[in-house]
Each structure stands twice: as structure tokens, then as C-alpha cells.
Amino acid sequence: IRSGAIAVSFSPQGSYIQTWEKLTDELQAAGGNLRIWNPKTGAFLTGFSQKAFSKEQWPYVKWTDDELVACMRISNGIHLYNGQDIGK
């Protein structure tokens, strides 16, 4: 996990960690600044670009309690993901 993260959150069962850091050109090219990690291995799984940070909306990716579904609010809707395979 990168040292520049200013926000960190675990999924409900601890299977994933998400971090947010200020968006840079480097992060944009590497998958985004909102990043999902495997906490057991430290492996980067996937990322999204999220320009602004809001404490009120954090964490941006939210899983159901069983982690079967993950969702992320976007400006005009909600993206749904397979919560157990969000990195693919």
C-alpha cells in the first residue's frame, strides 16, 4: 500500500482495503487514486479515478455485509461490481 494514502477503509469482512490519495498523472496512468488492495498480500487489485475527497461520502466503494456485491456512486448513477472479484 502506498504511503501517500490519506484515507483507508476495510471491506466488511476484511477481504479488501481501499485507499484514497490525491490524484496525480502517475496515479491516473497506473489505474487511479482510489485503489483496492488485497490485505493479505498487499497486491493492488484495481483502481478508479476520484478527483475530490469527501469525508461524508467515504468510503467510496461499499460492499454488502457478505461482500457479494460492491457498489460505487458516480455523478449520475451507481456502478455495481462482483464484490468478491472487484479486481477483474
Protein backbone atom coordinates (compact mmCIF):
# COMPACT_ATOMS: atom_id res chain seq x y z
CA ILE A 1 0.00 0.00 0.00
CA ARG A 2 1.28 3.40 -0.94
CA SER A 3 2.48 5.84 1.70
CA GLY A 4 0.56 8.79 0.20
CA ALA A 5 -2.88 7.47 1.18
CA ILE A 6 -4.90 9.91 3.29
CA ALA A 7 -7.93 7.65 3.77
CA VAL A 8 -8.12 3.90 4.38
CA SER A 9 -11.10 1.59 4.81
CA PHE A 10 -11.62 -2.17 5.10
CA SER A 11 -14.46 -4.08 3.48
CA PRO A 12 -16.95 -5.60 5.98
CA GLN A 13 -15.17 -8.96 6.20
CA GLY A 14 -11.67 -7.51 5.84
CA SER A 15 -11.11 -9.09 2.42
CA TYR A 16 -10.23 -5.75 0.79
CA ILE A 17 -8.67 -2.43 1.71
CA GLN A 18 -9.44 0.73 -0.19
CA THR A 19 -7.24 3.80 -0.09
CA TRP A 20 -7.57 7.30 -1.48
CA GLU A 21 -4.78 9.72 -2.25
CA LYS A 22 -4.51 12.92 -4.24
CA LEU A 23 -4.84 12.26 -7.96
CA THR A 24 -1.61 12.69 -9.90
CA ASP A 25 -0.67 11.96 -13.51
CA GLU A 26 1.31 8.96 -12.27
CA LEU A 27 -1.67 7.51 -10.40
CA GLN A 28 -4.01 8.25 -13.29
CA ALA A 29 -1.75 6.25 -15.61
CA ALA A 30 -1.43 3.44 -13.05
CA GLY A 31 -5.15 2.83 -12.58
CA GLY A 32 -6.38 5.70 -10.46
CA ASN A 33 -6.07 7.15 -6.99
CA LEU A 34 -8.94 5.27 -5.35
CA ARG A 35 -7.27 1.90 -5.02
CA ILE A 36 -8.41 -1.54 -3.91
CA TRP A 37 -5.84 -3.85 -2.29
CA ASN A 38 -5.61 -7.41 -1.03
CA PRO A 39 -4.75 -7.02 2.68
CA LYS A 40 -3.17 -10.48 2.92
CA THR A 41 -0.68 -9.99 0.09
CA GLY A 42 -0.61 -6.21 -0.31
CA ALA A 43 -1.34 -6.67 -4.02
CA PHE A 44 -3.02 -3.84 -5.90
CA LEU A 45 -6.25 -5.23 -7.41
CA THR A 46 -7.93 -2.33 -9.20
CA GLY A 47 -8.29 1.42 -9.12
CA PHE A 48 -10.62 4.24 -10.00
CA SER A 49 -10.07 7.94 -10.57
CA GLN A 50 -11.71 10.08 -7.90
CA LYS A 51 -10.67 13.73 -8.07
CA ALA A 52 -12.12 15.12 -4.87
CA PHE A 53 -12.24 13.62 -1.38
CA SER A 54 -15.27 13.92 0.88
CA LYS A 55 -15.24 12.63 4.47
CA GLU A 56 -19.03 12.48 4.37
CA GLN A 57 -19.03 10.09 1.39
CA TRP A 58 -16.04 7.96 2.42
CA PRO A 59 -15.62 5.05 1.80
CA TYR A 60 -16.44 5.42 -1.88
CA VAL A 61 -16.66 1.70 -2.61
CA LYS A 62 -19.18 0.00 -0.35
CA TRP A 63 -19.67 -3.76 -0.04
CA THR A 64 -22.68 -5.65 1.20
CA ASP A 65 -22.05 -7.35 4.56
CA ASP A 66 -21.39 -10.68 2.79
CA GLU A 67 -19.14 -8.91 0.24
CA LEU A 68 -21.01 -10.46 -2.70
CA VAL A 69 -21.76 -7.03 -4.18
CA ALA A 70 -19.72 -3.85 -4.20
CA CYS A 71 -21.02 -0.52 -5.40
CA MET A 72 -19.68 2.95 -6.06
CA ARG A 73 -21.72 6.09 -6.52
CA ILE A 74 -20.83 8.15 -9.56
CA SER A 75 -22.11 11.56 -10.61
CA ASN A 76 -25.17 10.25 -12.43
CA GLY A 77 -25.72 6.77 -11.03
CA ILE A 78 -24.25 3.78 -9.24
CA HIS A 79 -21.79 1.19 -10.53
CA LEU A 80 -22.25 -2.36 -9.24
CA TYR A 81 -19.44 -4.90 -9.13
CA ASN A 82 -18.96 -8.55 -8.23
CA GLY A 83 -17.84 -7.88 -4.67
CA GLN A 84 -15.62 -10.95 -4.49
CA ASP A 85 -13.89 -10.28 -7.79
CA ILE A 86 -13.67 -6.49 -7.93
CA GLY A 87 -10.16 -6.62 -9.32
CA LYS A 88 -11.22 -8.23 -12.61
